[in-house]
Amino acid sequence: MRVLFMCTANSCRSILSEAMFNHLAPHGFAAVSAGSFPKGQVLPRSLTTLQQAGISIDGLHSKGNDAFADNPPDVVITVCDKAAGETCPVYFGPALKAHWGLEDPSDVIGDEAQIDAAFRATLARIEQRCTAFLGLPFDTLSREQLSLELARIGTL
């Protein structure tokens, strides 16, 4: 199963989600990320947060959703409020769509400790949601049931 995490800039939340999902995912599951308006670079603090958590940052880069036109995902998950209402490109076709909104830790104003704490908290929430997703009984869920489960996980 191929999962696409989308956000506006593809520099923080969607990158954190891609990396965490792939860190936890068993064989046969893979995540990628994209932005509707990609920033073109990953926030350094996103990469540092992943490294401090022992998660690989190899291959992570900011990209647009057109990068997946020839290899559409099975599931598209938006992770920021700015992308929640956007229409997924038509070439994502039958992909299931869900919204797992996350506050942007890069918007936190404070000292280094407060900002680091916001990034760690966001990563922990992503881990909780990815763990719930990967724990689903995919063999027994209908498409409609999977869609409902994806929506439920977005409230965790």
N, C-alpha and C. Protein backbone atom coordinates (compact mmCIF):
# COMPACT_ATOMS: atom_id res chain seq x y z
N MET A 1 0.85 -1.18 0.00
CA MET A 1 0.00 0.00 0.00
C MET A 1 0.89 1.23 0.00
N ARG A 2 0.54 2.15 -0.87
CA ARG A 2 1.32 3.39 -1.01
C ARG A 2 0.49 4.55 -0.47
N VAL A 3 1.07 5.28 0.48
CA VAL A 3 0.40 6.40 1.14
C VAL A 3 1.11 7.70 0.79
N LEU A 4 0.32 8.70 0.44
CA LEU A 4 0.86 10.03 0.16
C LEU A 4 0.40 10.98 1.25
N PHE A 5 1.35 11.59 1.95
CA PHE A 5 1.05 12.62 2.94
C PHE A 5 1.21 13.97 2.25
N MET A 6 0.15 14.77 2.27
CA MET A 6 0.17 16.07 1.62
C MET A 6 0.02 17.21 2.61
N CYS A 7 0.74 18.27 2.34
CA CYS A 7 0.63 19.50 3.09
C CYS A 7 0.85 20.63 2.09
N THR A 8 0.83 21.82 2.54
CA THR A 8 0.98 22.94 1.61
C THR A 8 2.42 23.06 1.13
N ALA A 9 3.38 23.19 2.04
CA ALA A 9 4.77 23.48 1.67
C ALA A 9 5.65 22.24 1.51
N ASN A 10 5.23 21.10 2.04
CA ASN A 10 6.03 19.87 2.04
C ASN A 10 7.43 20.15 2.60
N SER A 11 7.43 20.77 3.79
CA SER A 11 8.71 21.08 4.43
C SER A 11 8.74 20.66 5.89
N CYS A 12 7.58 20.29 6.45
CA CYS A 12 7.54 19.97 7.88
C CYS A 12 6.62 18.77 8.15
N ARG A 13 5.33 19.01 8.34
CA ARG A 13 4.41 17.95 8.77
C ARG A 13 4.32 16.77 7.82
N SER A 14 4.24 17.03 6.54
CA SER A 14 4.16 15.91 5.59
C SER A 14 5.49 15.15 5.51
N ILE A 15 6.58 15.87 5.66
CA ILE A 15 7.91 15.23 5.69
C ILE A 15 8.05 14.37 6.94
N LEU A 16 7.66 14.92 8.09
CA LEU A 16 7.71 14.15 9.34
C LEU A 16 6.84 12.90 9.22
N SER A 17 5.68 13.03 8.58
CA SER A 17 4.75 11.90 8.42
C SER A 17 5.34 10.84 7.50
N GLU A 18 5.90 11.27 6.39
CA GLU A 18 6.53 10.32 5.46
C GLU A 18 7.62 9.51 6.17
N ALA A 19 8.49 10.21 6.86
CA ALA A 19 9.63 9.55 7.52
C ALA A 19 9.16 8.61 8.63
N MET A 20 8.22 9.05 9.46
CA MET A 20 7.74 8.21 10.55
C MET A 20 7.02 6.98 10.01
N PHE A 21 6.14 7.18 9.02
CA PHE A 21 5.41 6.04 8.46
C PHE A 21 6.40 5.00 7.93
N ASN A 22 7.38 5.44 7.16
CA ASN A 22 8.34 4.50 6.58
C ASN A 22 9.21 3.85 7.66
N HIS A 23 9.45 4.55 8.74
CA HIS A 23 10.21 4.00 9.86
C HIS A 23 9.45 2.84 10.51
N LEU A 24 8.13 2.97 10.59
CA LEU A 24 7.29 1.97 11.26
C LEU A 24 6.74 0.90 10.32
N ALA A 25 6.67 1.18 9.04
CA ALA A 25 5.94 0.35 8.09
C ALA A 25 6.58 -1.01 7.84
N PRO A 26 5.74 -2.04 7.78
CA PRO A 26 6.24 -3.36 7.39
C PRO A 26 6.40 -3.42 5.87
N HIS A 27 6.99 -4.49 5.39
CA HIS A 27 7.15 -4.72 3.96
C HIS A 27 5.79 -4.60 3.26
N GLY A 28 5.77 -3.94 2.13
CA GLY A 28 4.54 -3.79 1.38
C GLY A 28 3.83 -2.47 1.61
N PHE A 29 4.32 -1.69 2.56
CA PHE A 29 3.76 -0.37 2.85
C PHE A 29 4.86 0.67 2.63
N ALA A 30 4.50 1.76 2.01
CA ALA A 30 5.48 2.84 1.80
C ALA A 30 4.76 4.17 1.74
N ALA A 31 5.43 5.18 2.23
CA ALA A 31 4.87 6.53 2.21
C ALA A 31 5.78 7.46 1.42
N VAL A 32 5.14 8.44 0.82
CA VAL A 32 5.82 9.55 0.16
C VAL A 32 5.10 10.82 0.63
N SER A 33 5.67 11.96 0.34
CA SER A 33 5.00 13.20 0.72
C SER A 33 5.10 14.21 -0.42
N ALA A 34 4.22 15.18 -0.37
CA ALA A 34 4.21 16.23 -1.40
C ALA A 34 3.53 17.46 -0.84
N GLY A 35 3.72 18.56 -1.56
CA GLY A 35 3.07 19.80 -1.19
C GLY A 35 2.26 20.36 -2.35
N SER A 36 1.15 20.99 -2.02
CA SER A 36 0.35 21.63 -3.06
C SER A 36 1.07 22.86 -3.59
N PHE A 37 1.87 23.49 -2.73
CA PHE A 37 2.73 24.61 -3.11
C PHE A 37 4.07 24.38 -2.43
N PRO A 38 4.87 23.42 -2.92
CA PRO A 38 6.10 23.03 -2.22
C PRO A 38 7.08 24.17 -2.05
N LYS A 39 7.68 24.18 -0.88
CA LYS A 39 8.66 25.21 -0.53
C LYS A 39 9.99 24.98 -1.25
N GLY A 40 10.25 23.74 -1.63
CA GLY A 40 11.49 23.43 -2.32
C GLY A 40 12.62 23.01 -1.40
N GLN A 41 12.40 23.13 -0.10
CA GLN A 41 13.40 22.68 0.88
C GLN A 41 12.70 22.22 2.15
N VAL A 42 13.31 21.26 2.80
CA VAL A 42 12.79 20.76 4.07
C VAL A 42 13.33 21.64 5.19
N LEU A 43 12.48 21.97 6.15
CA LEU A 43 12.95 22.75 7.30
C LEU A 43 14.05 21.99 8.03
N PRO A 44 15.17 22.62 8.29
CA PRO A 44 16.26 21.94 9.00
C PRO A 44 15.80 21.34 10.33
N ARG A 45 14.92 22.03 11.05
CA ARG A 45 14.46 21.50 12.35
C ARG A 45 13.66 20.21 12.18
N SER A 46 12.97 20.05 11.06
CA SER A 46 12.26 18.80 10.78
C SER A 46 13.26 17.66 10.69
N LEU A 47 14.34 17.90 9.97
CA LEU A 47 15.37 16.87 9.81
C LEU A 47 16.06 16.56 11.13
N THR A 48 16.37 17.59 11.90
CA THR A 48 17.00 17.41 13.20
C THR A 48 16.11 16.61 14.13
N THR A 49 14.81 16.93 14.14
CA THR A 49 13.86 16.23 15.00
C THR A 49 13.83 14.74 14.64
N LEU A 50 13.81 14.44 13.36
CA LEU A 50 13.81 13.04 12.92
C LEU A 50 15.10 12.33 13.33
N GLN A 51 16.22 12.97 13.11
CA GLN A 51 17.51 12.37 13.47
C GLN A 51 17.59 12.10 14.97
N GLN A 52 17.12 13.05 15.78
CA GLN A 52 17.15 12.87 17.24
C GLN A 52 16.26 11.71 17.68
N ALA A 53 15.24 11.40 16.87
CA ALA A 53 14.35 10.29 17.18
C ALA A 53 14.85 8.97 16.59
N GLY A 54 16.00 9.02 15.92
CA GLY A 54 16.56 7.80 15.33
C GLY A 54 15.89 7.37 14.04
N ILE A 55 15.31 8.33 13.32
CA ILE A 55 14.59 8.04 12.08
C ILE A 55 15.41 8.56 10.90
N SER A 56 15.54 7.74 9.89
CA SER A 56 16.33 8.09 8.72
C SER A 56 15.75 9.30 7.98
N ILE A 57 16.65 10.15 7.51
CA ILE A 57 16.24 11.30 6.70
C ILE A 57 16.70 11.13 5.25
N ASP A 58 17.24 9.98 4.92
CA ASP A 58 17.74 9.72 3.57
C ASP A 58 16.62 9.90 2.55
N GLY A 59 16.89 10.67 1.53
CA GLY A 59 15.96 10.84 0.43
C GLY A 59 14.84 11.83 0.65
N LEU A 60 14.75 12.41 1.83
CA LEU A 60 13.67 13.36 2.09
C LEU A 60 13.95 14.67 1.36
N HIS A 61 12.97 15.13 0.61
CA HIS A 61 13.08 16.42 -0.07
C HIS A 61 11.69 16.95 -0.37
N SER A 62 11.59 18.25 -0.51
CA SER A 62 10.32 18.91 -0.78
C SER A 62 9.97 18.77 -2.26
N LYS A 63 8.72 18.33 -2.52
CA LYS A 63 8.30 18.12 -3.90
C LYS A 63 6.82 18.39 -4.07
N GLY A 64 6.40 18.61 -5.30
CA GLY A 64 4.99 18.85 -5.59
C GLY A 64 4.24 17.56 -5.85
N ASN A 65 2.92 17.63 -5.82
CA ASN A 65 2.12 16.43 -6.00
C ASN A 65 2.16 15.90 -7.44
N ASP A 66 2.64 16.69 -8.37
CA ASP A 66 2.75 16.20 -9.74
C ASP A 66 3.84 15.13 -9.88
N ALA A 67 4.68 15.00 -8.88
CA ALA A 67 5.74 14.00 -8.90
C ALA A 67 5.18 12.58 -8.87
N PHE A 68 3.89 12.43 -8.57
CA PHE A 68 3.31 11.10 -8.42
C PHE A 68 2.28 10.78 -9.49
N ALA A 69 2.24 11.55 -10.56
CA ALA A 69 1.27 11.36 -11.63
C ALA A 69 1.37 9.96 -12.25
N ASP A 70 2.58 9.43 -12.36
CA ASP A 70 2.77 8.12 -12.97
C ASP A 70 2.72 6.97 -11.98
N ASN A 71 2.63 7.28 -10.70
CA ASN A 71 2.61 6.24 -9.67
C ASN A 71 1.67 6.69 -8.55
N PRO A 72 0.37 6.74 -8.82
CA PRO A 72 -0.58 7.29 -7.85
C PRO A 72 -0.64 6.46 -6.57
N PRO A 73 -0.92 7.12 -5.46
CA PRO A 73 -1.02 6.44 -4.16
C PRO A 73 -2.36 5.72 -4.01
N ASP A 74 -2.40 4.83 -3.02
CA ASP A 74 -3.65 4.16 -2.65
C ASP A 74 -4.45 5.02 -1.68
N VAL A 75 -3.71 5.78 -0.86
CA VAL A 75 -4.32 6.62 0.16
C VAL A 75 -3.63 7.97 0.13
N VAL A 76 -4.42 9.05 0.20
CA VAL A 76 -3.89 10.41 0.31
C VAL A 76 -4.35 10.98 1.63
N ILE A 77 -3.40 11.41 2.46
CA ILE A 77 -3.72 11.98 3.77
C ILE A 77 -3.17 13.40 3.83
N THR A 78 -4.07 14.38 4.01
CA THR A 78 -3.62 15.75 4.20
C THR A 78 -3.34 15.93 5.69
N VAL A 79 -2.27 16.66 6.00
CA VAL A 79 -1.86 16.79 7.40
C VAL A 79 -1.81 18.22 7.91
N CYS A 80 -2.23 19.17 7.10
CA CYS A 80 -2.29 20.54 7.61
C CYS A 80 -3.62 21.16 7.24
N ASP A 81 -4.06 22.10 8.05
CA ASP A 81 -5.36 22.71 7.83
C ASP A 81 -5.45 23.43 6.50
N LYS A 82 -4.37 23.97 6.02
CA LYS A 82 -4.40 24.69 4.75
C LYS A 82 -4.70 23.77 3.59
N ALA A 83 -4.34 22.49 3.70
CA ALA A 83 -4.58 21.54 2.61
C ALA A 83 -5.88 20.77 2.78
N ALA A 84 -6.54 20.93 3.89
CA ALA A 84 -7.71 20.11 4.19
C ALA A 84 -8.81 20.22 3.16
N GLY A 85 -9.06 21.41 2.66
CA GLY A 85 -10.15 21.59 1.73
C GLY A 85 -9.76 21.49 0.27
N GLU A 86 -8.49 21.27 0.00
CA GLU A 86 -8.04 21.22 -1.38
C GLU A 86 -8.47 19.92 -2.04
N THR A 87 -8.77 20.00 -3.29
CA THR A 87 -9.12 18.83 -4.06
C THR A 87 -7.85 18.10 -4.45
N CYS A 88 -7.82 16.80 -4.22
CA CYS A 88 -6.66 16.02 -4.64
C CYS A 88 -6.67 15.94 -6.16
N PRO A 89 -5.53 16.03 -6.78
CA PRO A 89 -5.48 15.99 -8.24
C PRO A 89 -6.21 14.78 -8.81
N VAL A 90 -6.80 14.96 -9.96
CA VAL A 90 -7.62 13.92 -10.57
C VAL A 90 -6.84 12.62 -10.78
N TYR A 91 -5.53 12.71 -11.01
CA TYR A 91 -4.79 11.48 -11.25
C TYR A 91 -4.61 10.65 -9.99
N PHE A 92 -5.01 11.18 -8.84
CA PHE A 92 -5.03 10.34 -7.65
C PHE A 92 -6.26 9.45 -7.69
N GLY A 93 -7.14 9.74 -8.64
CA GLY A 93 -8.29 8.91 -8.95
C GLY A 93 -8.97 8.27 -7.77
N PRO A 94 -8.94 6.94 -7.73
CA PRO A 94 -9.69 6.23 -6.70
C PRO A 94 -9.01 6.19 -5.33
N ALA A 95 -7.92 6.88 -5.14
CA ALA A 95 -7.24 6.86 -3.84
C ALA A 95 -8.21 7.28 -2.74
N LEU A 96 -8.15 6.58 -1.62
CA LEU A 96 -8.91 7.01 -0.45
C LEU A 96 -8.29 8.30 0.06
N LYS A 97 -9.13 9.21 0.53
CA LYS A 97 -8.63 10.49 1.03
C LYS A 97 -9.06 10.69 2.47
N ALA A 98 -8.15 11.21 3.28
CA ALA A 98 -8.44 11.47 4.69
C ALA A 98 -7.68 12.73 5.10
N HIS A 99 -8.14 13.32 6.20
CA HIS A 99 -7.46 14.50 6.74
C HIS A 99 -7.03 14.22 8.18
N TRP A 100 -5.74 14.34 8.43
CA TRP A 100 -5.18 14.18 9.76
C TRP A 100 -4.52 15.50 10.15
N GLY A 101 -5.31 16.52 10.38
CA GLY A 101 -4.79 17.85 10.67
C GLY A 101 -3.81 17.90 11.83
N LEU A 102 -2.77 18.66 11.62
CA LEU A 102 -1.74 18.87 12.65
C LEU A 102 -1.40 20.36 12.70
N GLU A 103 -1.25 20.87 13.90
CA GLU A 103 -0.77 22.25 14.03
C GLU A 103 0.67 22.30 13.55
N ASP A 104 1.03 23.41 12.96
CA ASP A 104 2.37 23.56 12.40
C ASP A 104 3.36 23.93 13.51
N PRO A 105 4.28 23.01 13.85
CA PRO A 105 5.23 23.33 14.91
C PRO A 105 6.18 24.46 14.53
N SER A 106 6.32 24.73 13.24
CA SER A 106 7.21 25.81 12.83
C SER A 106 6.58 27.18 13.07
N ASP A 107 5.29 27.21 13.43
CA ASP A 107 4.62 28.46 13.77
C ASP A 107 4.78 28.83 15.25
N VAL A 108 5.32 27.91 16.04
CA VAL A 108 5.48 28.16 17.47
C VAL A 108 6.52 29.25 17.69
N ILE A 109 6.14 30.19 18.54
CA ILE A 109 7.05 31.28 18.90
C ILE A 109 7.49 31.05 20.34
N GLY A 110 8.78 31.05 20.55
CA GLY A 110 9.30 30.83 21.89
C GLY A 110 10.79 30.56 21.83
N ASP A 111 11.32 30.09 22.93
CA ASP A 111 12.74 29.79 22.95
C ASP A 111 12.99 28.43 22.29
N GLU A 112 14.24 28.09 22.16
CA GLU A 112 14.62 26.84 21.48
C GLU A 112 13.95 25.63 22.11
N ALA A 113 13.88 25.58 23.43
CA ALA A 113 13.28 24.44 24.12
C ALA A 113 11.80 24.31 23.77
N GLN A 114 11.09 25.42 23.70
CA GLN A 114 9.66 25.39 23.37
C GLN A 114 9.43 24.94 21.93
N ILE A 115 10.26 25.43 21.03
CA ILE A 115 10.12 25.06 19.62
C ILE A 115 10.46 23.58 19.44
N ASP A 116 11.55 23.13 20.07
CA ASP A 116 11.91 21.71 20.00
C ASP A 116 10.79 20.83 20.56
N ALA A 117 10.19 21.27 21.65
CA ALA A 117 9.09 20.51 22.26
C ALA A 117 7.91 20.42 21.31
N ALA A 118 7.62 21.48 20.58
CA ALA A 118 6.51 21.47 19.62
C ALA A 118 6.78 20.48 18.49
N PHE A 119 8.00 20.45 17.99
CA PHE A 119 8.35 19.50 16.93
C PHE A 119 8.27 18.06 17.45
N ARG A 120 8.78 17.82 18.66
CA ARG A 120 8.73 16.46 19.23
C ARG A 120 7.28 16.02 19.47
N ALA A 121 6.43 16.94 19.93
CA ALA A 121 5.02 16.62 20.17
C ALA A 121 4.31 16.29 18.86
N THR A 122 4.62 17.03 17.82
CA THR A 122 4.02 16.75 16.51
C THR A 122 4.46 15.38 16.01
N LEU A 123 5.74 15.08 16.14
CA LEU A 123 6.24 13.78 15.71
C LEU A 123 5.59 12.66 16.52
N ALA A 124 5.39 12.86 17.81
CA ALA A 124 4.75 11.84 18.66
C ALA A 124 3.30 11.60 18.22
N ARG A 125 2.60 12.65 17.85
CA ARG A 125 1.21 12.50 17.38
C ARG A 125 1.18 11.75 16.06
N ILE A 126 2.12 12.06 15.18
CA ILE A 126 2.23 11.35 13.90
C ILE A 126 2.51 9.88 14.16
N GLU A 127 3.40 9.60 15.09
CA GLU A 127 3.71 8.20 15.42
C GLU A 127 2.47 7.47 15.91
N GLN A 128 1.69 8.11 16.76
CA GLN A 128 0.45 7.51 17.28
C GLN A 128 -0.50 7.18 16.13
N ARG A 129 -0.66 8.10 15.21
CA ARG A 129 -1.58 7.89 14.09
C ARG A 129 -1.06 6.83 13.12
N CYS A 130 0.23 6.86 12.82
CA CYS A 130 0.80 5.85 11.92
C CYS A 130 0.71 4.46 12.53
N THR A 131 0.95 4.37 13.82
CA THR A 131 0.84 3.08 14.51
C THR A 131 -0.59 2.56 14.44
N ALA A 132 -1.56 3.44 14.65
CA ALA A 132 -2.97 3.04 14.55
C ALA A 132 -3.30 2.59 13.13
N PHE A 133 -2.83 3.33 12.14
CA PHE A 133 -3.06 2.97 10.74
C PHE A 133 -2.48 1.60 10.43
N LEU A 134 -1.22 1.40 10.78
CA LEU A 134 -0.54 0.15 10.45
C LEU A 134 -1.08 -1.04 11.25
N GLY A 135 -1.81 -0.77 12.32
CA GLY A 135 -2.42 -1.83 13.12
C GLY A 135 -3.80 -2.26 12.64
N LEU A 136 -4.29 -1.62 11.59
CA LEU A 136 -5.62 -1.97 11.08
C LEU A 136 -5.62 -3.36 10.44
N PRO A 137 -6.74 -4.06 10.52
CA PRO A 137 -6.85 -5.38 9.89
C PRO A 137 -7.21 -5.23 8.40
N PHE A 138 -6.25 -4.85 7.59
CA PHE A 138 -6.50 -4.53 6.19
C PHE A 138 -7.17 -5.67 5.42
N ASP A 139 -6.87 -6.90 5.77
CA ASP A 139 -7.44 -8.05 5.06
C ASP A 139 -8.94 -8.17 5.24
N THR A 140 -9.47 -7.60 6.33
CA THR A 140 -10.89 -7.76 6.61
C THR A 140 -11.71 -6.48 6.43
N LEU A 141 -11.05 -5.36 6.14
CA LEU A 141 -11.77 -4.10 6.01
C LEU A 141 -12.22 -3.86 4.57
N SER A 142 -13.45 -3.44 4.43
CA SER A 142 -13.92 -3.00 3.12
C SER A 142 -13.34 -1.62 2.86
N ARG A 143 -13.46 -1.15 1.66
CA ARG A 143 -12.99 0.19 1.32
C ARG A 143 -13.69 1.25 2.17
N GLU A 144 -15.00 1.08 2.35
CA GLU A 144 -15.77 2.03 3.16
C GLU A 144 -15.32 1.99 4.63
N GLN A 145 -15.08 0.80 5.14
CA GLN A 145 -14.62 0.67 6.53
C GLN A 145 -13.24 1.29 6.70
N LEU A 146 -12.36 1.08 5.72
CA LEU A 146 -11.03 1.68 5.78
C LEU A 146 -11.13 3.20 5.77
N SER A 147 -12.01 3.74 4.96
CA SER A 147 -12.21 5.18 4.92
C SER A 147 -12.66 5.72 6.27
N LEU A 148 -13.57 5.00 6.91
CA LEU A 148 -14.05 5.40 8.24
C LEU A 148 -12.93 5.33 9.27
N GLU A 149 -12.11 4.29 9.19
CA GLU A 149 -10.98 4.14 10.12
C GLU A 149 -9.95 5.26 9.92
N LEU A 150 -9.70 5.62 8.67
CA LEU A 150 -8.77 6.72 8.40
C LEU A 150 -9.28 8.01 9.01
N ALA A 151 -10.57 8.25 8.88
CA ALA A 151 -11.17 9.46 9.49
C ALA A 151 -11.06 9.43 11.01
N ARG A 152 -11.30 8.26 11.60
CA ARG A 152 -11.20 8.11 13.05
C ARG A 152 -9.78 8.38 13.53
N ILE A 153 -8.81 7.82 12.83
CA ILE A 153 -7.41 8.00 13.21
C ILE A 153 -7.03 9.49 13.18
N GLY A 154 -7.62 10.23 12.26
CA GLY A 154 -7.34 11.66 12.16
C GLY A 154 -7.80 12.46 13.36
N THR A 155 -8.60 11.85 14.23
CA THR A 155 -9.06 12.53 15.44
C THR A 155 -8.21 12.19 16.65
N LEU A 156 -7.27 11.25 16.50
CA LEU A 156 -6.42 10.85 17.64
C LEU A 156 -5.45 11.96 18.00
